């Protein structure tokens, strides 16, 4: 599981299974596995479930192209409308 906060860190957490019965407390909490400093305040974490532990994220050129192709197209007129509404 991943989380972000205003302290500019993205954290990766371990998870534990829920208790066997409703209303029971958890025996153990998850731990922070990794804490990554980012230069801006993060608001969203996107993870493609692909990782190579020795090098970080493992992506091929085909996977990268798929990400770009799946993105929604935004025209300049859409951008102008967003700017006007922010003012």
PDB file of N, CA and C in Angstrom:
ATOM      1  N   UNK A   1       0.855  -1.152   0.000  1.00  0.00           N
ATOM      2  CA  UNK A   1       0.000   0.000   0.000  1.00  0.00           C
ATOM      3  C   UNK A   1       0.910   1.226   0.000  1.00  0.00           C
ATOM      4  N   UNK A   2       0.438   2.281  -0.619  1.00  0.00           N
ATOM      5  CA  UNK A   2       1.212   3.519  -0.683  1.00  0.00           C
ATOM      6  C   UNK A   2       0.391   4.662  -0.104  1.00  0.00           C
ATOM      7  N   UNK A   3       1.096   5.653   0.464  1.00  0.00           N
ATOM      8  CA  UNK A   3       0.417   6.841   0.980  1.00  0.00           C
ATOM      9  C   UNK A   3       1.281   8.054   0.722  1.00  0.00           C
ATOM     10  N   UNK A   4       0.638   9.223   0.727  1.00  0.00           N
ATOM     11  CA  UNK A   4       1.350  10.479   0.577  1.00  0.00           C
ATOM     12  C   UNK A   4       0.926  11.409   1.701  1.00  0.00           C
ATOM     13  N   UNK A   5       1.730  12.441   1.927  1.00  0.00           N
ATOM     14  CA  UNK A   5       1.415  13.391   2.988  1.00  0.00           C
ATOM     15  C   UNK A   5       1.990  14.753   2.637  1.00  0.00           C
ATOM     16  N   UNK A   6       1.605  15.762   3.402  1.00  0.00           N
ATOM     17  CA  UNK A   6       2.095  17.113   3.158  1.00  0.00           C
ATOM     18  C   UNK A   6       3.576  17.276   3.478  1.00  0.00           C
ATOM     19  N   UNK A   7       4.204  16.292   4.106  1.00  0.00           N
ATOM     20  CA  UNK A   7       5.633  16.388   4.419  1.00  0.00           C
ATOM     21  C   UNK A   7       6.518  16.030   3.226  1.00  0.00           C
ATOM     22  N   UNK A   8       5.904  15.886   2.056  1.00  0.00           N
ATOM     23  CA  UNK A   8       6.585  15.600   0.792  1.00  0.00           C
ATOM     24  C   UNK A   8       7.225  14.221   0.726  1.00  0.00           C
ATOM     25  N   UNK A   9       6.684  13.272   1.441  1.00  0.00           N
ATOM     26  CA  UNK A   9       7.166  11.906   1.358  1.00  0.00           C
ATOM     27  C   UNK A   9       6.054  11.010   0.832  1.00  0.00           C
ATOM     28  N   UNK A  10       6.431  10.105  -0.043  1.00  0.00           N
ATOM     29  CA  UNK A  10       5.551   9.020  -0.464  1.00  0.00           C
ATOM     30  C   UNK A  10       6.062   7.790   0.273  1.00  0.00           C
ATOM     31  N   UNK A  11       5.167   7.059   0.903  1.00  0.00           N
ATOM     32  CA  UNK A  11       5.570   5.908   1.714  1.00  0.00           C
ATOM     33  C   UNK A  11       4.946   4.625   1.178  1.00  0.00           C
ATOM     34  N   UNK A  12       5.728   3.572   1.202  1.00  0.00           N
ATOM     35  CA  UNK A  12       5.242   2.237   0.874  1.00  0.00           C
ATOM     36  C   UNK A  12       5.098   1.459   2.177  1.00  0.00           C
ATOM     37  N   UNK A  13       3.927   0.882   2.385  1.00  0.00           N
ATOM     38  CA  UNK A  13       3.632   0.188   3.631  1.00  0.00           C
ATOM     39  C   UNK A  13       3.406  -1.300   3.379  1.00  0.00           C
ATOM     40  N   UNK A  14       3.751  -2.119   4.378  1.00  0.00           N
ATOM     41  CA  UNK A  14       3.339  -3.511   4.333  1.00  0.00           C
ATOM     42  C   UNK A  14       1.893  -3.561   4.828  1.00  0.00           C
ATOM     43  N   UNK A  15       1.184  -4.599   4.474  1.00  0.00           N
ATOM     44  CA  UNK A  15      -0.192  -4.723   4.931  1.00  0.00           C
ATOM     45  C   UNK A  15      -0.366  -6.024   5.697  1.00  0.00           C
ATOM     46  N   UNK A  16      -1.352  -6.052   6.557  1.00  0.00           N
ATOM     47  CA  UNK A  16      -1.660  -7.259   7.317  1.00  0.00           C
ATOM     48  C   UNK A  16      -3.093  -7.656   7.020  1.00  0.00           C
ATOM     49  N   UNK A  17      -3.407  -8.931   7.110  1.00  0.00           N
ATOM     50  CA  UNK A  17      -4.786  -9.344   6.842  1.00  0.00           C
ATOM     51  C   UNK A  17      -5.724  -8.821   7.932  1.00  0.00           C
ATOM     52  N   UNK A  18      -6.990  -8.648   7.606  1.00  0.00           N
ATOM     53  CA  UNK A  18      -7.941  -8.177   8.619  1.00  0.00           C
ATOM     54  C   UNK A  18      -8.150  -9.241   9.700  1.00  0.00           C
ATOM     55  N   UNK A  19      -8.683  -8.847  10.867  1.00  0.00           N
ATOM     56  CA  UNK A  19      -8.921  -9.823  11.921  1.00  0.00           C
ATOM     57  C   UNK A  19      -9.932 -10.871  11.474  1.00  0.00           C
ATOM     58  N   UNK A  20      -9.882 -12.035  12.098  1.00  0.00           N
ATOM     59  CA  UNK A  20     -10.746 -13.142  11.684  1.00  0.00           C
ATOM     60  C   UNK A  20     -12.215 -12.878  12.002  1.00  0.00           C
ATOM     61  N   UNK A  21     -12.479 -12.104  13.047  1.00  0.00           N
ATOM     62  CA  UNK A  21     -13.873 -11.794  13.397  1.00  0.00           C
ATOM     63  C   UNK A  21     -14.081 -10.287  13.417  1.00  0.00           C
ATOM     64  N   UNK A  22     -15.280  -9.875  13.059  1.00  0.00           N
ATOM     65  CA  UNK A  22     -15.632  -8.460  13.076  1.00  0.00           C
ATOM     66  C   UNK A  22     -15.553  -7.923  14.498  1.00  0.00           C
ATOM     67  N   UNK A  23     -15.015  -6.731  14.649  1.00  0.00           N
ATOM     68  CA  UNK A  23     -14.916  -6.105  15.964  1.00  0.00           C
ATOM     69  C   UNK A  23     -13.629  -6.406  16.705  1.00  0.00           C
ATOM     70  N   UNK A  24     -12.832  -7.357  16.226  1.00  0.00           N
ATOM     71  CA  UNK A  24     -11.552  -7.667  16.858  1.00  0.00           C
ATOM     72  C   UNK A  24     -10.499  -6.642  16.442  1.00  0.00           C
ATOM     73  N   UNK A  25      -9.548  -6.399  17.316  1.00  0.00           N
ATOM     74  CA  UNK A  25      -8.422  -5.532  16.976  1.00  0.00           C
ATOM     75  C   UNK A  25      -7.386  -6.320  16.188  1.00  0.00           C
ATOM     76  N   UNK A  26      -6.602  -5.605  15.402  1.00  0.00           N
ATOM     77  CA  UNK A  26      -5.507  -6.246  14.676  1.00  0.00           C
ATOM     78  C   UNK A  26      -4.411  -6.653  15.647  1.00  0.00           C
ATOM     79  N   UNK A  27      -3.776  -7.787  15.393  1.00  0.00           N
ATOM     80  CA  UNK A  27      -2.659  -8.228  16.226  1.00  0.00           C
ATOM     81  C   UNK A  27      -1.403  -7.409  15.932  1.00  0.00           C
ATOM     82  N   UNK A  28      -1.184  -7.079  14.654  1.00  0.00           N
ATOM     83  CA  UNK A  28       0.014  -6.348  14.245  1.00  0.00           C
ATOM     84  C   UNK A  28      -0.377  -5.284  13.231  1.00  0.00           C
ATOM     85  N   UNK A  29       0.360  -4.190  13.218  1.00  0.00           N
ATOM     86  CA  UNK A  29       0.166  -3.146  12.222  1.00  0.00           C
ATOM     87  C   UNK A  29       1.181  -3.347  11.103  1.00  0.00           C
ATOM     88  N   UNK A  30       0.895  -2.776   9.953  1.00  0.00           N
ATOM     89  CA  UNK A  30       1.858  -2.776   8.871  1.00  0.00           C
ATOM     90  C   UNK A  30       3.014  -1.838   9.212  1.00  0.00           C
ATOM     91  N   UNK A  31       4.099  -1.991   8.503  1.00  0.00           N
ATOM     92  CA  UNK A  31       5.264  -1.142   8.737  1.00  0.00           C
ATOM     93  C   UNK A  31       5.581  -0.344   7.478  1.00  0.00           C
ATOM     94  N   UNK A  32       6.314   0.736   7.622  1.00  0.00           N
ATOM     95  CA  UNK A  32       6.754   1.527   6.474  1.00  0.00           C
ATOM     96  C   UNK A  32       7.962   0.817   5.873  1.00  0.00           C
ATOM     97  N   UNK A  33       7.833   0.380   4.630  1.00  0.00           N
ATOM     98  CA  UNK A  33       8.905  -0.345   3.958  1.00  0.00           C
ATOM     99  C   UNK A  33       9.901   0.606   3.311  1.00  0.00           C
ATOM    100  N   UNK A  34       9.387   1.689   2.745  1.00  0.00           N
ATOM    101  CA  UNK A  34      10.265   2.654   2.097  1.00  0.00           C
ATOM    102  C   UNK A  34       9.618   4.032   2.162  1.00  0.00           C
ATOM    103  N   UNK A  35      10.445   5.047   2.295  1.00  0.00           N
ATOM    104  CA  UNK A  35       9.989   6.431   2.347  1.00  0.00           C
ATOM    105  C   UNK A  35      10.761   7.187   1.287  1.00  0.00           C
ATOM    106  N   UNK A  36      10.033   7.800   0.341  1.00  0.00           N
ATOM    107  CA  UNK A  36      10.657   8.448  -0.807  1.00  0.00           C
ATOM    108  C   UNK A  36      10.323   9.935  -0.778  1.00  0.00           C
ATOM    109  N   UNK A  37      11.348  10.794  -0.754  1.00  0.00           N
ATOM    110  CA  UNK A  37      11.136  12.238  -0.772  1.00  0.00           C
ATOM    111  C   UNK A  37      10.862  12.679  -2.200  1.00  0.00           C
ATOM    112  N   UNK A  38       9.817  13.483  -2.389  1.00  0.00           N
ATOM    113  CA  UNK A  38       9.512  14.045  -3.702  1.00  0.00           C
ATOM    114  C   UNK A  38       9.574  15.565  -3.596  1.00  0.00           C
ATOM    115  N   UNK A  39       9.862  16.231  -4.703  1.00  0.00           N
ATOM    116  CA  UNK A  39      10.115  17.668  -4.651  1.00  0.00           C
ATOM    117  C   UNK A  39       8.865  18.519  -4.497  1.00  0.00           C
ATOM    118  N   UNK A  40       7.695  17.973  -4.820  1.00  0.00           N
ATOM    119  CA  UNK A  40       6.443  18.706  -4.638  1.00  0.00           C
ATOM    120  C   UNK A  40       5.549  17.935  -3.684  1.00  0.00           C
ATOM    121  N   UNK A  41       4.529  18.578  -3.173  1.00  0.00           N
ATOM    122  CA  UNK A  41       3.610  17.886  -2.269  1.00  0.00           C
ATOM    123  C   UNK A  41       2.809  16.879  -3.096  1.00  0.00           C
ATOM    124  N   UNK A  42       2.969  15.578  -2.824  1.00  0.00           N
ATOM    125  CA  UNK A  42       2.275  14.573  -3.624  1.00  0.00           C
ATOM    126  C   UNK A  42       0.798  14.517  -3.271  1.00  0.00           C
ATOM    127  N   UNK A  43      -0.028  14.302  -4.280  1.00  0.00           N
ATOM    128  CA  UNK A  43      -1.463  14.182  -4.049  1.00  0.00           C
ATOM    129  C   UNK A  43      -2.012  12.836  -4.515  1.00  0.00           C
ATOM    130  N   UNK A  44      -1.292  12.170  -5.409  1.00  0.00           N
ATOM    131  CA  UNK A  44      -1.767  10.914  -5.975  1.00  0.00           C
ATOM    132  C   UNK A  44      -0.593   9.960  -6.133  1.00  0.00           C
ATOM    133  N   UNK A  45      -0.845   8.678  -5.915  1.00  0.00           N
ATOM    134  CA  UNK A  45       0.150   7.646  -6.172  1.00  0.00           C
ATOM    135  C   UNK A  45      -0.416   6.725  -7.241  1.00  0.00           C
ATOM    136  N   UNK A  46       0.335   6.514  -8.311  1.00  0.00           N
ATOM    137  CA  UNK A  46      -0.059   5.586  -9.359  1.00  0.00           C
ATOM    138  C   UNK A  46       0.994   4.493  -9.403  1.00  0.00           C
ATOM    139  N   UNK A  47       0.550   3.255  -9.342  1.00  0.00           N
ATOM    140  CA  UNK A  47       1.478   2.127  -9.314  1.00  0.00           C
ATOM    141  C   UNK A  47       0.996   1.085 -10.298  1.00  0.00           C
ATOM    142  N   UNK A  48       1.880   0.594 -11.147  1.00  0.00           N
ATOM    143  CA  UNK A  48       1.489  -0.385 -12.153  1.00  0.00           C
ATOM    144  C   UNK A  48       1.758  -1.817 -11.719  1.00  0.00           C
ATOM    145  N   UNK A  49       2.078  -2.034 -10.468  1.00  0.00           N
ATOM    146  CA  UNK A  49       2.325  -3.354  -9.887  1.00  0.00           C
ATOM    147  C   UNK A  49       3.527  -4.063 -10.496  1.00  0.00           C
ATOM    148  N   UNK A  50       4.377  -3.352 -11.195  1.00  0.00           N
ATOM    149  CA  UNK A  50       5.566  -3.935 -11.782  1.00  0.00           C
ATOM    150  C   UNK A  50       6.780  -3.300 -11.129  1.00  0.00           C
ATOM    151  N   UNK A  51       7.622  -4.117 -10.523  1.00  0.00           N
ATOM    152  CA  UNK A  51       8.811  -3.562  -9.891  1.00  0.00           C
ATOM    153  C   UNK A  51       9.959  -4.559  -9.954  1.00  0.00           C
ATOM    154  N   UNK A  52      11.139  -4.040 -10.141  1.00  0.00           N
ATOM    155  CA  UNK A  52      12.359  -4.824 -10.086  1.00  0.00           C
ATOM    156  C   UNK A  52      13.101  -4.331  -8.853  1.00  0.00           C
ATOM    157  N   UNK A  53      13.184  -5.142  -7.823  1.00  0.00           N
ATOM    158  CA  UNK A  53      13.719  -4.699  -6.541  1.00  0.00           C
ATOM    159  C   UNK A  53      15.157  -4.205  -6.627  1.00  0.00           C
ATOM    160  N   UNK A  54      15.934  -4.696  -7.586  1.00  0.00           N
ATOM    161  CA  UNK A  54      17.330  -4.281  -7.668  1.00  0.00           C
ATOM    162  C   UNK A  54      17.496  -2.917  -8.345  1.00  0.00           C
ATOM    163  N   UNK A  55      16.539  -2.513  -9.202  1.00  0.00           N
ATOM    164  CA  UNK A  55      16.687  -1.281  -9.960  1.00  0.00           C
ATOM    165  C   UNK A  55      15.557  -0.295  -9.742  1.00  0.00           C
ATOM    166  N   UNK A  56      14.562  -0.619  -8.987  1.00  0.00           N
ATOM    167  CA  UNK A  56      13.393   0.261  -8.846  1.00  0.00           C
ATOM    168  C   UNK A  56      12.294  -0.230  -9.765  1.00  0.00           C
ATOM    169  N   UNK A  57      11.688   0.660 -10.529  1.00  0.00           N
ATOM    170  CA  UNK A  57      10.575   0.292 -11.394  1.00  0.00           C
ATOM    171  C   UNK A  57      11.103  -0.383 -12.653  1.00  0.00           C
ATOM    172  N   UNK A  58      10.450  -1.475 -13.036  1.00  0.00           N
ATOM    173  CA  UNK A  58      10.835  -2.244 -14.213  1.00  0.00           C
ATOM    174  C   UNK A  58       9.802  -1.992 -15.308  1.00  0.00           C
ATOM    175  N   UNK A  59      10.166  -1.210 -16.314  1.00  0.00           N
ATOM    176  CA  UNK A  59       9.246  -0.950 -17.410  1.00  0.00           C
ATOM    177  C   UNK A  59       9.953  -1.194 -18.724  1.00  0.00           C
ATOM    178  N   UNK A  60       9.211  -1.682 -19.673  1.00  0.00           N
ATOM    179  CA  UNK A  60       9.738  -1.839 -21.025  1.00  0.00           C
ATOM    180  C   UNK A  60       9.206  -0.689 -21.862  1.00  0.00           C
ATOM    181  N   UNK A  61       9.776  -0.519 -23.024  1.00  0.00           N
ATOM    182  CA  UNK A  61       9.335   0.558 -23.910  1.00  0.00           C
ATOM    183  C   UNK A  61       7.862   0.367 -24.289  1.00  0.00           C
ATOM    184  N   UNK A  62       7.462  -0.886 -24.480  1.00  0.00           N
ATOM    185  CA  UNK A  62       6.064  -1.178 -24.824  1.00  0.00           C
ATOM    186  C   UNK A  62       5.117  -0.769 -23.680  1.00  0.00           C
ATOM    187  N   UNK A  63       5.518  -1.035 -22.435  1.00  0.00           N
ATOM    188  CA  UNK A  63       4.702  -0.647 -21.290  1.00  0.00           C
ATOM    189  C   UNK A  63       4.610   0.871 -21.180  1.00  0.00           C
ATOM    190  N   UNK A  64       5.715   1.564 -21.421  1.00  0.00           N
ATOM    191  CA  UNK A  64       5.713   3.021 -21.370  1.00  0.00           C
ATOM    192  C   UNK A  64       4.805   3.602 -22.449  1.00  0.00           C
ATOM    193  N   UNK A  65       4.863   3.031 -23.655  1.00  0.00           N
ATOM    194  CA  UNK A  65       3.994   3.495 -24.728  1.00  0.00           C
ATOM    195  C   UNK A  65       2.531   3.278 -24.380  1.00  0.00           C
ATOM    196  N   UNK A  66       2.232   2.156 -23.743  1.00  0.00           N
ATOM    197  CA  UNK A  66       0.857   1.845 -23.349  1.00  0.00           C
ATOM    198  C   UNK A  66       0.328   2.881 -22.365  1.00  0.00           C
ATOM    199  N   UNK A  67       1.168   3.306 -21.426  1.00  0.00           N
ATOM    200  CA  UNK A  67       0.762   4.329 -20.462  1.00  0.00           C
ATOM    201  C   UNK A  67       0.415   5.620 -21.190  1.00  0.00           C
ATOM    202  N   UNK A  68       1.271   6.050 -22.102  1.00  0.00           N
ATOM    203  CA  UNK A  68       1.023   7.301 -22.827  1.00  0.00           C
ATOM    204  C   UNK A  68      -0.208   7.180 -23.714  1.00  0.00           C
ATOM    205  N   UNK A  69      -0.399   6.034 -24.353  1.00  0.00           N
ATOM    206  CA  UNK A  69      -1.548   5.858 -25.244  1.00  0.00           C
ATOM    207  C   UNK A  69      -2.866   5.807 -24.483  1.00  0.00           C
ATOM    208  N   UNK A  70      -2.848   5.345 -23.242  1.00  0.00           N
ATOM    209  CA  UNK A  70      -4.065   5.246 -22.444  1.00  0.00           C
ATOM    210  C   UNK A  70      -4.472   6.567 -21.798  1.00  0.00           C
ATOM    211  N   UNK A  71      -3.602   7.582 -21.861  1.00  0.00           N
ATOM    212  CA  UNK A  71      -3.925   8.865 -21.239  1.00  0.00           C
ATOM    213  C   UNK A  71      -4.981   9.616 -22.040  1.00  0.00           C
ATOM    214  N   UNK A  72      -5.804  10.363 -21.321  1.00  0.00           N
ATOM    215  CA  UNK A  72      -6.838  11.171 -21.953  1.00  0.00           C
ATOM    216  C   UNK A  72      -6.200  12.343 -22.679  1.00  0.00           C
ATOM    217  N   UNK A  73      -6.672  12.605 -23.885  1.00  0.00           N
ATOM    218  CA  UNK A  73      -6.156  13.720 -24.666  1.00  0.00           C
ATOM    219  C   UNK A  73      -6.798  15.021 -24.189  1.00  0.00           C
ATOM    220  N   UNK A  74      -5.992  16.039 -23.958  1.00  0.00           N
ATOM    221  CA  UNK A  74      -6.481  17.348 -23.535  1.00  0.00           C
ATOM    222  C   UNK A  74      -6.034  18.367 -24.561  1.00  0.00           C
ATOM    223  N   UNK A  75      -6.974  19.131 -25.076  1.00  0.00           N
ATOM    224  CA  UNK A  75      -6.635  20.133 -26.086  1.00  0.00           C
ATOM    225  C   UNK A  75      -6.287  21.459 -25.409  1.00  0.00           C
ATOM    226  N   UNK A  76      -5.755  22.374 -26.187  1.00  0.00           N
ATOM    227  CA  UNK A  76      -5.389  23.679 -25.641  1.00  0.00           C
ATOM    228  C   UNK A  76      -6.624  24.453 -25.191  1.00  0.00           C
ATOM    229  N   UNK A  77      -7.755  24.241 -25.855  1.00  0.00           N
ATOM    230  CA  UNK A  77      -8.980  24.932 -25.434  1.00  0.00           C
ATOM    231  C   UNK A  77      -9.425  24.445 -24.062  1.00  0.00           C
ATOM    232  N   UNK A  78      -9.235  23.149 -23.774  1.00  0.00           N
ATOM    233  CA  UNK A  78      -9.549  22.620 -22.440  1.00  0.00           C
ATOM    234  C   UNK A  78      -8.662  23.278 -21.391  1.00  0.00           C
ATOM    235  N   UNK A  79      -7.394  23.438 -21.724  1.00  0.00           N
ATOM    236  CA  UNK A  79      -6.450  24.057 -20.798  1.00  0.00           C
ATOM    237  C   UNK A  79      -6.839  25.504 -20.530  1.00  0.00           C
ATOM    238  N   UNK A  80      -7.235  26.229 -21.569  1.00  0.00           N
ATOM    239  CA  UNK A  80      -7.649  27.625 -21.404  1.00  0.00           C
ATOM    240  C   UNK A  80      -8.886  27.719 -20.517  1.00  0.00           C
ATOM    241  N   UNK A  81      -9.840  26.788 -20.689  1.00  0.00           N
ATOM    242  CA  UNK A  81     -11.049  26.794 -19.866  1.00  0.00           C
ATOM    243  C   UNK A  81     -10.704  26.561 -18.397  1.00  0.00           C
ATOM    244  N   UNK A  82      -9.764  25.692 -18.148  1.00  0.00           N
ATOM    245  CA  UNK A  82      -9.339  25.418 -16.765  1.00  0.00           C
ATOM    246  C   UNK A  82      -8.704  26.653 -16.168  1.00  0.00           C
ATOM    247  N   UNK A  83      -7.875  27.341 -16.918  1.00  0.00           N
ATOM    248  CA  UNK A  83      -7.224  28.564 -16.427  1.00  0.00           C
ATOM    249  C   UNK A  83      -8.261  29.638 -16.095  1.00  0.00           C
ATOM    250  N   UNK A  84      -9.281  29.781 -16.941  1.00  0.00           N
ATOM    251  CA  UNK A  84     -10.313  30.793 -16.709  1.00  0.00           C
ATOM    252  C   UNK A  84     -11.108  30.488 -15.449  1.00  0.00           C
ATOM    253  N   UNK A  85     -11.402  29.214 -15.202  1.00  0.00           N
ATOM    254  CA  UNK A  85     -12.180  28.860 -14.013  1.00  0.00           C
ATOM    255  C   UNK A  85     -11.374  29.036 -12.741  1.00  0.00           C
ATOM    256  N   UNK A  86     -10.060  28.913 -12.807  1.00  0.00           N
ATOM    257  CA  UNK A  86      -9.216  29.096 -11.635  1.00  0.00           C
ATOM    258  C   UNK A  86      -9.116  30.562 -11.226  1.00  0.00           C
ATOM    259  N   UNK A  87      -9.271  31.462 -12.173  1.00  0.00           N
ATOM    260  CA  UNK A  87      -9.168  32.892 -11.888  1.00  0.00           C
ATOM    261  C   UNK A  87     -10.414  33.315 -11.240  1.00  0.00           C
TER     262      UNK A  87
END
